[in-house]
Amino acid sequence: MNYKTTLRATDYQPHWNMEQTISMLGTYYMKLTIIEEMNKLYDRGFRDNDIILARSSLELSTKFSDLDKSKQINIDNESFVILEEKSINANSFWKTFHRLKRPSVLYKINNEYKFVYTQEHALRFEQIETNSPQLYKLISKNIALLWLLDTVGTHYAEVILNNIDKAVVSTLESSNHVNRNAQHQRVIVDLTNHSLNHDLEVRHVERNSYLEEEYRQSLLQKIEDMKRRLDRLENTLAIQNNLESEEKALTIREQRNLIDQQTGVINILEEIKRTIDEREANENELLPFLKNERNIELKKLQKRLDSLPLLVDDFVTV
């Protein structure tokens, strides 16, 4: 049984980010798989001091043939950390494991050692599309991929939820801004009306005072200008009311799209979680200390996703 998935970047990523994304997916998948395989070793009766870790990452030039399960390896213990029972070496083992990008964990059998992570465990990148948005099609038989997808999907679901919250707040703020602006314009209109009425009274007084015709004409012109200003302000107020309705409609559509997207993400997440439950029901549960080390890696992955966001586009079991 294999698991196939498509991960998609949430926005266009430059080539250096794509390189980091591929490395990130490979690194965390590899570490999670090693933890999964260590659990199987314990189920088979292996002990802590049967497992060792190289102090440095695998060389980039390493080939899968170098990790073949049947390959026998001579061990220089100064270059490795032994996972001894709950001792200072155990802490050193896991501290080193979490630091490395490509940890090399081996187990002892018949007085020799074999790699825990081999070609049969590898994460296969079936397809990578560099056009925006970039896509990464992955396939694996290991539950490690499910743990990885669960973390990626949950992280993005939380991002969408935050975006929905922001959109709602933005709608309220936009509405309040338009209302405040409308209120401001209404105050100006009211003041203009008051000024107009005042000038009409002045006009009446000045007419009775028999002022020169030129002054009376300038006053009439001022009154007409105020009327035109009043008309413009009334038109502006009407336009703003229309814009408010259009902005609300647009924002509501954006919120609906986010909610629909959230629904799709949650549906895929539920399928992934069901698959994890089914898989774990048929296998021995991770030992508590291994579960703790797995969770440390998943939390580190979650932090990386803040700068390299991905969403799970689809997921199938084949």
C-alpha atoms as a PDB file:
ATOM      1  CA  MET A   1       0.000   0.000   0.000  1.00  0.00           C
ATOM      2  CA  ASN A   2       1.318   3.409  -0.999  1.00  0.00           C
ATOM      3  CA  TYR A   3       0.229   6.953  -0.202  1.00  0.00           C
ATOM      4  CA  LYS A   4       0.210   9.551  -2.956  1.00  0.00           C
ATOM      5  CA  THR A   5      -0.162  13.257  -2.395  1.00  0.00           C
ATOM      6  CA  THR A   6       0.267  16.616  -4.089  1.00  0.00           C
ATOM      7  CA  LEU A   7       1.638  19.526  -2.108  1.00  0.00           C
ATOM      8  CA  ARG A   8       1.250  23.011  -3.541  1.00  0.00           C
ATOM      9  CA  ALA A   9       2.969  26.255  -2.652  1.00  0.00           C
ATOM     10  CA  THR A  10       0.488  28.852  -1.431  1.00  0.00           C
ATOM     11  CA  ASP A  11       2.129  31.534  -3.557  1.00  0.00           C
ATOM     12  CA  TYR A  12       4.909  31.857  -6.122  1.00  0.00           C
ATOM     13  CA  GLN A  13       8.258  30.819  -4.682  1.00  0.00           C
ATOM     14  CA  PRO A  14      11.684  31.786  -6.068  1.00  0.00           C
ATOM     15  CA  HIS A  15      13.973  28.928  -7.055  1.00  0.00           C
ATOM     16  CA  TRP A  16      15.988  29.126  -3.826  1.00  0.00           C
ATOM     17  CA  ASN A  17      12.806  28.596  -1.813  1.00  0.00           C
ATOM     18  CA  MET A  18      11.897  25.604  -3.981  1.00  0.00           C
ATOM     19  CA  GLU A  19      15.276  24.092  -3.177  1.00  0.00           C
ATOM     20  CA  GLN A  20      14.652  24.641   0.535  1.00  0.00           C
ATOM     21  CA  THR A  21      11.150  23.148   0.260  1.00  0.00           C
ATOM     22  CA  ILE A  22      12.435  19.957  -1.352  1.00  0.00           C
ATOM     23  CA  SER A  23      15.187  19.690   1.256  1.00  0.00           C
ATOM     24  CA  MET A  24      12.704  20.358   4.072  1.00  0.00           C
ATOM     25  CA  LEU A  25      10.286  17.649   2.902  1.00  0.00           C
ATOM     26  CA  GLY A  26      13.096  15.135   2.426  1.00  0.00           C
ATOM     27  CA  THR A  27      14.764  15.884   5.746  1.00  0.00           C
ATOM     28  CA  TYR A  28      11.673  15.626   7.940  1.00  0.00           C
ATOM     29  CA  TYR A  29      10.344  12.608   6.073  1.00  0.00           C
ATOM     30  CA  MET A  30      13.704  10.870   6.548  1.00  0.00           C
ATOM     31  CA  LYS A  31      13.832  11.643  10.274  1.00  0.00           C
ATOM     32  CA  LEU A  32      10.226  10.561  10.853  1.00  0.00           C
ATOM     33  CA  THR A  33      10.850   7.339   8.920  1.00  0.00           C
ATOM     34  CA  ILE A  34      13.944   6.563  11.011  1.00  0.00           C
ATOM     35  CA  ILE A  35      11.888   6.998  14.195  1.00  0.00           C
ATOM     36  CA  GLU A  36       9.178   4.735  12.743  1.00  0.00           C
ATOM     37  CA  GLU A  37      11.758   2.086  11.821  1.00  0.00           C
ATOM     38  CA  MET A  38      13.435   2.306  15.240  1.00  0.00           C
ATOM     39  CA  ASN A  39      10.078   1.476  16.795  1.00  0.00           C
ATOM     40  CA  LYS A  40       9.929  -1.661  14.627  1.00  0.00           C
ATOM     41  CA  LEU A  41      13.425  -2.612  15.771  1.00  0.00           C
ATOM     42  CA  TYR A  42      12.334  -2.419  19.412  1.00  0.00           C
ATOM     43  CA  ASP A  43       9.316  -4.596  18.531  1.00  0.00           C
ATOM     44  CA  ARG A  44      11.756  -7.150  17.146  1.00  0.00           C
ATOM     45  CA  GLY A  45      13.693  -7.212  20.413  1.00  0.00           C
ATOM     46  CA  PHE A  46      16.556  -4.821  19.727  1.00  0.00           C
ATOM     47  CA  ARG A  47      17.875  -2.833  22.690  1.00  0.00           C
ATOM     48  CA  ASP A  48      19.033   0.762  23.074  1.00  0.00           C
ATOM     49  CA  ASN A  49      22.725  -0.044  22.818  1.00  0.00           C
ATOM     50  CA  ASP A  50      22.132  -1.908  19.547  1.00  0.00           C
ATOM     51  CA  ILE A  51      21.452   1.440  17.874  1.00  0.00           C
ATOM     52  CA  ILE A  52      24.065   4.029  16.974  1.00  0.00           C
ATOM     53  CA  LEU A  53      24.100   7.417  15.235  1.00  0.00           C
ATOM     54  CA  ALA A  54      26.840   9.003  13.147  1.00  0.00           C
ATOM     55  CA  ARG A  55      27.893  12.379  14.516  1.00  0.00           C
ATOM     56  CA  SER A  56      27.670  14.025  11.084  1.00  0.00           C
ATOM     57  CA  SER A  57      25.072  13.999   8.298  1.00  0.00           C
ATOM     58  CA  LEU A  58      25.277  11.681   5.339  1.00  0.00           C
ATOM     59  CA  GLU A  59      27.421  13.165   2.593  1.00  0.00           C
ATOM     60  CA  LEU A  60      25.484  14.691  -0.301  1.00  0.00           C
ATOM     61  CA  SER A  61      27.310  12.285  -2.588  1.00  0.00           C
ATOM     62  CA  THR A  62      25.789   9.282  -0.773  1.00  0.00           C
ATOM     63  CA  LYS A  63      23.845   6.905  -3.046  1.00  0.00           C
ATOM     64  CA  PHE A  64      21.039   4.579  -2.021  1.00  0.00           C
ATOM     65  CA  SER A  65      23.251   1.637  -2.902  1.00  0.00           C
ATOM     66  CA  ASP A  66      25.530   2.821  -0.074  1.00  0.00           C
ATOM     67  CA  LEU A  67      22.631   2.364   2.350  1.00  0.00           C
ATOM     68  CA  ASP A  68      21.649  -1.105   1.198  1.00  0.00           C
ATOM     69  CA  LYS A  69      20.343  -3.194   4.091  1.00  0.00           C
ATOM     70  CA  SER A  70      22.725  -6.049   3.359  1.00  0.00           C
ATOM     71  CA  LYS A  71      25.803  -3.814   3.399  1.00  0.00           C
ATOM     72  CA  GLN A  72      28.145  -4.539   6.274  1.00  0.00           C
ATOM     73  CA  ILE A  73      29.869  -1.582   7.937  1.00  0.00           C
ATOM     74  CA  ASN A  74      32.917  -1.259  10.115  1.00  0.00           C
ATOM     75  CA  ILE A  75      32.178   1.117  12.980  1.00  0.00           C
ATOM     76  CA  ASP A  76      34.572   3.614  14.501  1.00  0.00           C
ATOM     77  CA  ASN A  77      32.834   4.354  17.801  1.00  0.00           C
ATOM     78  CA  GLU A  78      34.458   7.772  18.106  1.00  0.00           C
ATOM     79  CA  SER A  79      32.475   8.848  15.051  1.00  0.00           C
ATOM     80  CA  PHE A  80      29.180   7.546  16.460  1.00  0.00           C
ATOM     81  CA  VAL A  81      26.874   8.048  19.421  1.00  0.00           C
ATOM     82  CA  ILE A  82      25.486   4.900  21.047  1.00  0.00           C
ATOM     83  CA  LEU A  83      21.900   5.003  22.267  1.00  0.00           C
ATOM     84  CA  GLU A  84      22.520   3.598  25.735  1.00  0.00           C
ATOM     85  CA  GLU A  85      19.677   3.173  28.165  1.00  0.00           C
ATOM     86  CA  LYS A  86      18.404   6.510  29.471  1.00  0.00           C
ATOM     87  CA  SER A  87      21.938   7.759  30.076  1.00  0.00           C
ATOM     88  CA  ILE A  88      23.771  10.915  29.107  1.00  0.00           C
ATOM     89  CA  ASN A  89      24.514   9.154  25.823  1.00  0.00           C
ATOM     90  CA  ALA A  90      20.790   8.897  25.110  1.00  0.00           C
ATOM     91  CA  ASN A  91      20.460  12.676  25.453  1.00  0.00           C
ATOM     92  CA  SER A  92      23.492  13.153  23.251  1.00  0.00           C
ATOM     93  CA  PHE A  93      22.027  10.734  20.713  1.00  0.00           C
ATOM     94  CA  TRP A  94      18.772  12.644  20.309  1.00  0.00           C
ATOM     95  CA  LYS A  95      20.371  16.070  20.516  1.00  0.00           C
ATOM     96  CA  THR A  96      22.644  15.075  17.638  1.00  0.00           C
ATOM     97  CA  PHE A  97      19.758  13.444  15.750  1.00  0.00           C
ATOM     98  CA  HIS A  98      17.636  16.608  15.846  1.00  0.00           C
ATOM     99  CA  ARG A  99      20.580  18.751  14.762  1.00  0.00           C
ATOM    100  CA  LEU A 100      21.463  16.747  11.646  1.00  0.00           C
ATOM    101  CA  LYS A 101      19.793  17.195   8.259  1.00  0.00           C
ATOM    102  CA  ARG A 102      20.480  13.653   7.051  1.00  0.00           C
ATOM    103  CA  PRO A 103      20.973  11.520  10.168  1.00  0.00           C
ATOM    104  CA  SER A 104      22.686   8.190   9.710  1.00  0.00           C
ATOM    105  CA  VAL A 105      21.244   5.721  12.217  1.00  0.00           C
ATOM    106  CA  LEU A 106      22.438   2.116  12.238  1.00  0.00           C
ATOM    107  CA  TYR A 107      21.535  -1.013  14.184  1.00  0.00           C
ATOM    108  CA  LYS A 108      23.688  -3.926  15.276  1.00  0.00           C
ATOM    109  CA  ILE A 109      22.963  -7.399  14.000  1.00  0.00           C
ATOM    110  CA  ASN A 110      25.311 -10.384  14.078  1.00  0.00           C
ATOM    111  CA  ASN A 111      28.082  -8.134  15.437  1.00  0.00           C
ATOM    112  CA  GLU A 112      27.817  -5.821  12.407  1.00  0.00           C
ATOM    113  CA  TYR A 113      25.724  -2.789  11.563  1.00  0.00           C
ATOM    114  CA  LYS A 114      23.121  -1.892   8.967  1.00  0.00           C
ATOM    115  CA  PHE A 115      21.461   1.381   8.067  1.00  0.00           C
ATOM    116  CA  VAL A 116      17.956   1.971   9.390  1.00  0.00           C
ATOM    117  CA  TYR A 117      16.999   4.215   6.442  1.00  0.00           C
ATOM    118  CA  THR A 118      17.441   2.517   3.064  1.00  0.00           C
ATOM    119  CA  GLN A 119      16.179   2.802  -0.487  1.00  0.00           C
ATOM    120  CA  GLU A 120      12.986   0.913   0.314  1.00  0.00           C
ATOM    121  CA  HIS A 121      11.989   3.694   2.724  1.00  0.00           C
ATOM    122  CA  ALA A 122      12.755   6.571   0.344  1.00  0.00           C
ATOM    123  CA  LEU A 123      10.324   9.371  -0.378  1.00  0.00           C
ATOM    124  CA  ARG A 124       9.741   9.486  -4.130  1.00  0.00           C
ATOM    125  CA  PHE A 125       9.232  12.825  -5.841  1.00  0.00           C
ATOM    126  CA  GLU A 126       7.125  11.684  -8.791  1.00  0.00           C
ATOM    127  CA  GLN A 127       6.742  15.156 -10.239  1.00  0.00           C
ATOM    128  CA  ILE A 128       7.815  18.707  -9.538  1.00  0.00           C
ATOM    129  CA  GLU A 129       6.224  21.617 -11.391  1.00  0.00           C
ATOM    130  CA  THR A 130       8.086  24.894 -11.334  1.00  0.00           C
ATOM    131  CA  ASN A 131       5.281  27.020 -12.766  1.00  0.00           C
ATOM    132  CA  SER A 132       3.293  29.061 -10.273  1.00  0.00           C
ATOM    133  CA  PRO A 133       2.013  27.655  -8.025  1.00  0.00           C
ATOM    134  CA  GLN A 134       4.747  25.065  -7.683  1.00  0.00           C
ATOM    135  CA  LEU A 135       3.609  21.468  -7.154  1.00  0.00           C
ATOM    136  CA  TYR A 136       5.327  18.519  -5.492  1.00  0.00           C
ATOM    137  CA  LYS A 137       3.849  15.065  -6.163  1.00  0.00           C
ATOM    138  CA  LEU A 138       5.054  12.563  -3.565  1.00  0.00           C
ATOM    139  CA  ILE A 139       4.605   8.852  -2.953  1.00  0.00           C
ATOM    140  CA  SER A 140       5.617   6.598  -0.057  1.00  0.00           C
ATOM    141  CA  LYS A 141       4.460   3.513   1.810  1.00  0.00           C
ATOM    142  CA  ASN A 142       5.587   4.811   5.198  1.00  0.00           C
ATOM    143  CA  ILE A 143       3.370   6.292   7.893  1.00  0.00           C
ATOM    144  CA  ALA A 144       6.018   9.006   8.182  1.00  0.00           C
ATOM    145  CA  LEU A 145       4.491  10.637   5.083  1.00  0.00           C
ATOM    146  CA  LEU A 146       1.098  10.673   6.821  1.00  0.00           C
ATOM    147  CA  TRP A 147       2.574  12.385   9.893  1.00  0.00           C
ATOM    148  CA  LEU A 148       4.219  14.930   7.632  1.00  0.00           C
ATOM    149  CA  LEU A 149       0.998  15.588   5.677  1.00  0.00           C
ATOM    150  CA  ASP A 150      -1.025  15.899   8.867  1.00  0.00           C
ATOM    151  CA  THR A 151       1.344  18.627  10.082  1.00  0.00           C
ATOM    152  CA  VAL A 152       1.398  20.465   6.737  1.00  0.00           C
ATOM    153  CA  GLY A 153      -2.382  20.306   6.382  1.00  0.00           C
ATOM    154  CA  THR A 154      -3.089  21.371   9.958  1.00  0.00           C
ATOM    155  CA  HIS A 155      -0.670  24.301   9.677  1.00  0.00           C
ATOM    156  CA  TYR A 156      -2.347  25.572   6.509  1.00  0.00           C
ATOM    157  CA  ALA A 157      -5.842  25.076   7.945  1.00  0.00           C
ATOM    158  CA  GLU A 158      -4.818  27.357  10.811  1.00  0.00           C
ATOM    159  CA  VAL A 159      -3.441  29.901   8.306  1.00  0.00           C
ATOM    160  CA  ILE A 160      -6.772  29.953   6.450  1.00  0.00           C
ATOM    161  CA  LEU A 161      -8.661  30.312   9.715  1.00  0.00           C
ATOM    162  CA  ASN A 162      -6.517  33.309  10.635  1.00  0.00           C
ATOM    163  CA  ASN A 163      -7.111  34.792   7.175  1.00  0.00           C
ATOM    164  CA  ILE A 164     -10.865  34.406   7.613  1.00  0.00           C
ATOM    165  CA  ASP A 165     -10.636  36.183  10.971  1.00  0.00           C
ATOM    166  CA  LYS A 166      -8.587  38.969   9.369  1.00  0.00           C
ATOM    167  CA  ALA A 167     -11.091  39.282   6.509  1.00  0.00           C
ATOM    168  CA  VAL A 168     -13.971  39.628   8.970  1.00  0.00           C
ATOM    169  CA  VAL A 169     -12.078  42.256  10.954  1.00  0.00           C
ATOM    170  CA  SER A 170     -11.171  44.048   7.724  1.00  0.00           C
ATOM    171  CA  THR A 171     -14.833  44.090   6.696  1.00  0.00           C
ATOM    172  CA  LEU A 172     -15.848  45.598  10.005  1.00  0.00           C
ATOM    173  CA  GLU A 173     -13.054  48.159   9.901  1.00  0.00           C
ATOM    174  CA  SER A 174     -13.849  49.060   6.297  1.00  0.00           C
ATOM    175  CA  SER A 175     -17.513  49.435   7.138  1.00  0.00           C
ATOM    176  CA  ASN A 176     -16.679  51.590  10.157  1.00  0.00           C
ATOM    177  CA  HIS A 177     -14.306  53.703   8.047  1.00  0.00           C
ATOM    178  CA  VAL A 178     -16.965  54.331   5.400  1.00  0.00           C
ATOM    179  CA  ASN A 179     -19.526  55.105   8.070  1.00  0.00           C
ATOM    180  CA  ARG A 180     -17.122  57.513   9.784  1.00  0.00           C
ATOM    181  CA  ASN A 181     -16.352  59.140   6.441  1.00  0.00           C
ATOM    182  CA  ALA A 182     -20.062  59.443   5.672  1.00  0.00           C
ATOM    183  CA  GLN A 183     -20.678  60.982   9.076  1.00  0.00           C
ATOM    184  CA  HIS A 184     -17.850  63.430   8.449  1.00  0.00           C
ATOM    185  CA  GLN A 185     -19.355  64.415   5.106  1.00  0.00           C
ATOM    186  CA  ARG A 186     -22.761  64.813   6.693  1.00  0.00           C
ATOM    187  CA  VAL A 187     -21.280  67.209   9.270  1.00  0.00           C
ATOM    188  CA  ILE A 188     -19.770  69.257   6.432  1.00  0.00           C
ATOM    189  CA  VAL A 189     -23.125  69.290   4.641  1.00  0.00           C
ATOM    190  CA  ASP A 190     -24.886  70.419   7.788  1.00  0.00           C
ATOM    191  CA  LEU A 191     -22.301  73.159   8.361  1.00  0.00           C
ATOM    192  CA  THR A 192     -22.682  74.288   4.770  1.00  0.00           C
ATOM    193  CA  ASN A 193     -26.448  74.441   5.172  1.00  0.00           C
ATOM    194  CA  HIS A 194     -25.990  76.458   8.329  1.00  0.00           C
ATOM    195  CA  SER A 195     -23.578  78.800   6.545  1.00  0.00           C
ATOM    196  CA  LEU A 196     -26.009  79.124   3.664  1.00  0.00           C
ATOM    197  CA  ASN A 197     -28.879  80.018   5.942  1.00  0.00           C
ATOM    198  CA  HIS A 198     -26.690  82.526   7.740  1.00  0.00           C
ATOM    199  CA  ASP A 199     -25.734  84.191   4.470  1.00  0.00           C
ATOM    200  CA  LEU A 200     -29.360  84.322   3.423  1.00  0.00           C
ATOM    201  CA  GLU A 201     -30.091  86.213   6.619  1.00  0.00           C
ATOM    202  CA  VAL A 202     -27.142  88.524   5.963  1.00  0.00           C
ATOM    203  CA  ARG A 203     -28.397  89.065   2.454  1.00  0.00           C
ATOM    204  CA  HIS A 204     -31.787  90.102   3.813  1.00  0.00           C
ATOM    205  CA  VAL A 205     -30.170  92.503   6.283  1.00  0.00           C
ATOM    206  CA  GLU A 206     -27.876  94.002   3.690  1.00  0.00           C
ATOM    207  CA  ARG A 207     -30.704  94.500   1.248  1.00  0.00           C
ATOM    208  CA  ASN A 208     -32.543  96.543   3.870  1.00  0.00           C
ATOM    209  CA  SER A 209     -29.400  98.517   4.448  1.00  0.00           C
ATOM    210  CA  TYR A 210     -29.320  99.528   0.770  1.00  0.00           C
ATOM    211  CA  LEU A 211     -25.726  98.379   0.179  1.00  0.00           C
ATOM    212  CA  GLU A 212     -24.187  98.795  -3.200  1.00  0.00           C
ATOM    213  CA  GLU A 213     -25.397  96.503  -5.954  1.00  0.00           C
ATOM    214  CA  GLU A 214     -21.893  95.120  -6.539  1.00  0.00           C
ATOM    215  CA  TYR A 215     -21.648  93.798  -2.999  1.00  0.00           C
ATOM    216  CA  ARG A 216     -25.097  92.282  -3.219  1.00  0.00           C
ATOM    217  CA  GLN A 217     -24.125  90.504  -6.436  1.00  0.00           C
ATOM    218  CA  SER A 218     -20.960  89.076  -4.887  1.00  0.00           C
ATOM    219  CA  LEU A 219     -23.010  87.773  -1.970  1.00  0.00           C
ATOM    220  CA  LEU A 220     -25.441  86.107  -4.345  1.00  0.00           C
ATOM    221  CA  GLN A 221     -22.506  84.470  -6.136  1.00  0.00           C
ATOM    222  CA  LYS A 222     -21.166  83.189  -2.849  1.00  0.00           C
ATOM    223  CA  ILE A 223     -24.533  81.677  -2.050  1.00  0.00           C
ATOM    224  CA  GLU A 224     -24.667  79.922  -5.427  1.00  0.00           C
ATOM    225  CA  ASP A 225     -21.161  78.529  -4.884  1.00  0.00           C
ATOM    226  CA  MET A 226     -22.258  77.160  -1.530  1.00  0.00           C
ATOM    227  CA  LYS A 227     -25.270  75.506  -3.155  1.00  0.00           C
ATOM    228  CA  ARG A 228     -23.049  73.783  -5.724  1.00  0.00           C
ATOM    229  CA  ARG A 229     -20.702  72.650  -2.953  1.00  0.00           C
ATOM    230  CA  LEU A 230     -23.651  71.259  -1.069  1.00  0.00           C
ATOM    231  CA  ASP A 231     -24.766  69.327  -4.176  1.00  0.00           C
ATOM    232  CA  ARG A 232     -21.286  67.868  -4.656  1.00  0.00           C
ATOM    233  CA  LEU A 233     -21.117  66.753  -1.040  1.00  0.00           C
ATOM    234  CA  GLU A 234     -24.518  65.093  -1.299  1.00  0.00           C
ATOM    235  CA  ASN A 235     -23.341  63.256  -4.454  1.00  0.00           C
ATOM    236  CA  THR A 236     -20.124  62.168  -2.716  1.00  0.00           C
ATOM    237  CA  LEU A 237     -22.144  60.806   0.165  1.00  0.00           C
ATOM    238  CA  ALA A 238     -24.346  58.799  -2.201  1.00  0.00           C
ATOM    239  CA  ILE A 239     -21.292  57.381  -4.049  1.00  0.00           C
ATOM    240  CA  GLN A 240     -19.693  56.345  -0.773  1.00  0.00           C
ATOM    241  CA  ASN A 241     -22.837  54.516   0.251  1.00  0.00           C
ATOM    242  CA  ASN A 242     -22.742  52.604  -3.042  1.00  0.00           C
ATOM    243  CA  LEU A 243     -19.045  51.805  -2.635  1.00  0.00           C
ATOM    244  CA  GLU A 244     -19.721  50.513   0.865  1.00  0.00           C
ATOM    245  CA  SER A 245     -22.226  48.001  -0.521  1.00  0.00           C
ATOM    246  CA  GLU A 246     -19.820  46.913  -3.281  1.00  0.00           C
ATOM    247  CA  GLU A 247     -16.889  46.542  -0.856  1.00  0.00           C
ATOM    248  CA  LYS A 248     -18.997  44.483   1.510  1.00  0.00           C
ATOM    249  CA  ALA A 249     -20.114  42.217  -1.337  1.00  0.00           C
ATOM    250  CA  LEU A 250     -16.507  41.762  -2.502  1.00  0.00           C
ATOM    251  CA  THR A 251     -15.231  41.025   0.996  1.00  0.00           C
ATOM    252  CA  ILE A 252     -18.052  38.558   1.617  1.00  0.00           C
ATOM    253  CA  ARG A 253     -17.122  36.733  -1.601  1.00  0.00           C
ATOM    254  CA  GLU A 254     -13.495  36.593  -0.455  1.00  0.00           C
ATOM    255  CA  GLN A 255     -14.599  35.184   2.893  1.00  0.00           C
ATOM    256  CA  ARG A 256     -16.772  32.588   1.157  1.00  0.00           C
ATOM    257  CA  ASN A 257     -13.821  31.504  -1.006  1.00  0.00           C
ATOM    258  CA  LEU A 258     -11.662  31.141   2.110  1.00  0.00           C
ATOM    259  CA  ILE A 259     -14.361  29.135   3.872  1.00  0.00           C
ATOM    260  CA  ASP A 260     -14.760  26.857   0.820  1.00  0.00           C
ATOM    261  CA  GLN A 261     -10.986  26.405   0.738  1.00  0.00           C
ATOM    262  CA  GLN A 262     -10.981  25.662   4.459  1.00  0.00           C
ATOM    263  CA  THR A 263     -13.668  23.018   3.927  1.00  0.00           C
ATOM    264  CA  GLY A 264     -11.564  21.333   1.234  1.00  0.00           C
ATOM    265  CA  VAL A 265      -8.469  21.353   3.422  1.00  0.00           C
ATOM    266  CA  ILE A 266     -10.386  19.908   6.375  1.00  0.00           C
ATOM    267  CA  ASN A 267     -11.868  17.118   4.213  1.00  0.00           C
ATOM    268  CA  ILE A 268      -8.367  16.059   3.105  1.00  0.00           C
ATOM    269  CA  LEU A 269      -7.095  16.329   6.691  1.00  0.00           C
ATOM    270  CA  GLU A 270      -9.890  14.082   7.934  1.00  0.00           C
ATOM    271  CA  GLU A 271      -8.982  11.481   5.308  1.00  0.00           C
ATOM    272  CA  ILE A 272      -5.317  11.643   6.341  1.00  0.00           C
ATOM    273  CA  LYS A 273      -6.206  11.298  10.032  1.00  0.00           C
ATOM    274  CA  ARG A 274      -8.504   8.317   9.284  1.00  0.00           C
ATOM    275  CA  THR A 275      -5.667   6.652   7.388  1.00  0.00           C
ATOM    276  CA  ILE A 276      -3.264   7.283  10.283  1.00  0.00           C
ATOM    277  CA  ASP A 277      -5.752   5.758  12.743  1.00  0.00           C
ATOM    278  CA  GLU A 278      -6.232   2.692  10.546  1.00  0.00           C
ATOM    279  CA  ARG A 279      -2.486   2.279  10.089  1.00  0.00           C
ATOM    280  CA  GLU A 280      -1.700   2.688  13.782  1.00  0.00           C
ATOM    281  CA  ALA A 281      -4.486   0.272  14.743  1.00  0.00           C
ATOM    282  CA  ASN A 282      -2.688  -2.448  12.774  1.00  0.00           C
ATOM    283  CA  GLU A 283       0.783  -1.658  14.095  1.00  0.00           C
ATOM    284  CA  ASN A 284       2.352  -1.328  17.501  1.00  0.00           C
ATOM    285  CA  GLU A 285       2.072   2.175  18.895  1.00  0.00           C
ATOM    286  CA  LEU A 286       5.184   4.293  19.041  1.00  0.00           C
ATOM    287  CA  LEU A 287       7.050   3.922  22.300  1.00  0.00           C
ATOM    288  CA  PRO A 288       6.549   7.011  24.506  1.00  0.00           C
ATOM    289  CA  PHE A 289      10.121   8.288  24.152  1.00  0.00           C
ATOM    290  CA  LEU A 290      10.013   7.813  20.362  1.00  0.00           C
ATOM    291  CA  LYS A 291       6.689   9.607  20.186  1.00  0.00           C
ATOM    292  CA  ASN A 292       8.279  12.494  22.062  1.00  0.00           C
ATOM    293  CA  GLU A 293      11.210  12.659  19.614  1.00  0.00           C
ATOM    294  CA  ARG A 294       8.805  12.473  16.669  1.00  0.00           C
ATOM    295  CA  ASN A 295       6.778  15.377  18.064  1.00  0.00           C
ATOM    296  CA  ILE A 296       9.940  17.462  18.432  1.00  0.00           C
ATOM    297  CA  GLU A 297      10.598  17.001  14.706  1.00  0.00           C
ATOM    298  CA  LEU A 298       6.980  17.825  13.808  1.00  0.00           C
ATOM    299  CA  LYS A 299       7.141  21.041  15.821  1.00  0.00           C
ATOM    300  CA  LYS A 300      10.335  22.011  14.009  1.00  0.00           C
ATOM    301  CA  LEU A 301       8.590  21.298  10.695  1.00  0.00           C
ATOM    302  CA  GLN A 302       5.688  23.487  11.750  1.00  0.00           C
ATOM    303  CA  LYS A 303       8.042  26.424  12.321  1.00  0.00           C
ATOM    304  CA  ARG A 304       9.647  25.920   8.904  1.00  0.00           C
ATOM    305  CA  LEU A 305       6.219  26.043   7.280  1.00  0.00           C
ATOM    306  CA  ASP A 306       5.831  29.645   8.463  1.00  0.00           C
ATOM    307  CA  SER A 307       8.420  30.685   5.875  1.00  0.00           C
ATOM    308  CA  LEU A 308       7.798  27.881   3.351  1.00  0.00           C
ATOM    309  CA  PRO A 309       3.991  27.497   3.394  1.00  0.00           C
ATOM    310  CA  LEU A 310       2.418  24.518   1.637  1.00  0.00           C
ATOM    311  CA  LEU A 311      -1.069  23.089   1.322  1.00  0.00           C
ATOM    312  CA  VAL A 312      -2.129  19.480   0.714  1.00  0.00           C
ATOM    313  CA  ASP A 313      -3.845  19.578  -2.674  1.00  0.00           C
ATOM    314  CA  ASP A 314      -4.895  15.914  -2.714  1.00  0.00           C
ATOM    315  CA  PHE A 315      -4.288  12.609  -0.982  1.00  0.00           C
ATOM    316  CA  VAL A 316      -5.042   9.026  -2.065  1.00  0.00           C
ATOM    317  CA  THR A 317      -4.173   5.520  -0.985  1.00  0.00           C
ATOM    318  CA  VAL A 318      -3.091   3.236  -3.850  1.00  0.00           C
END
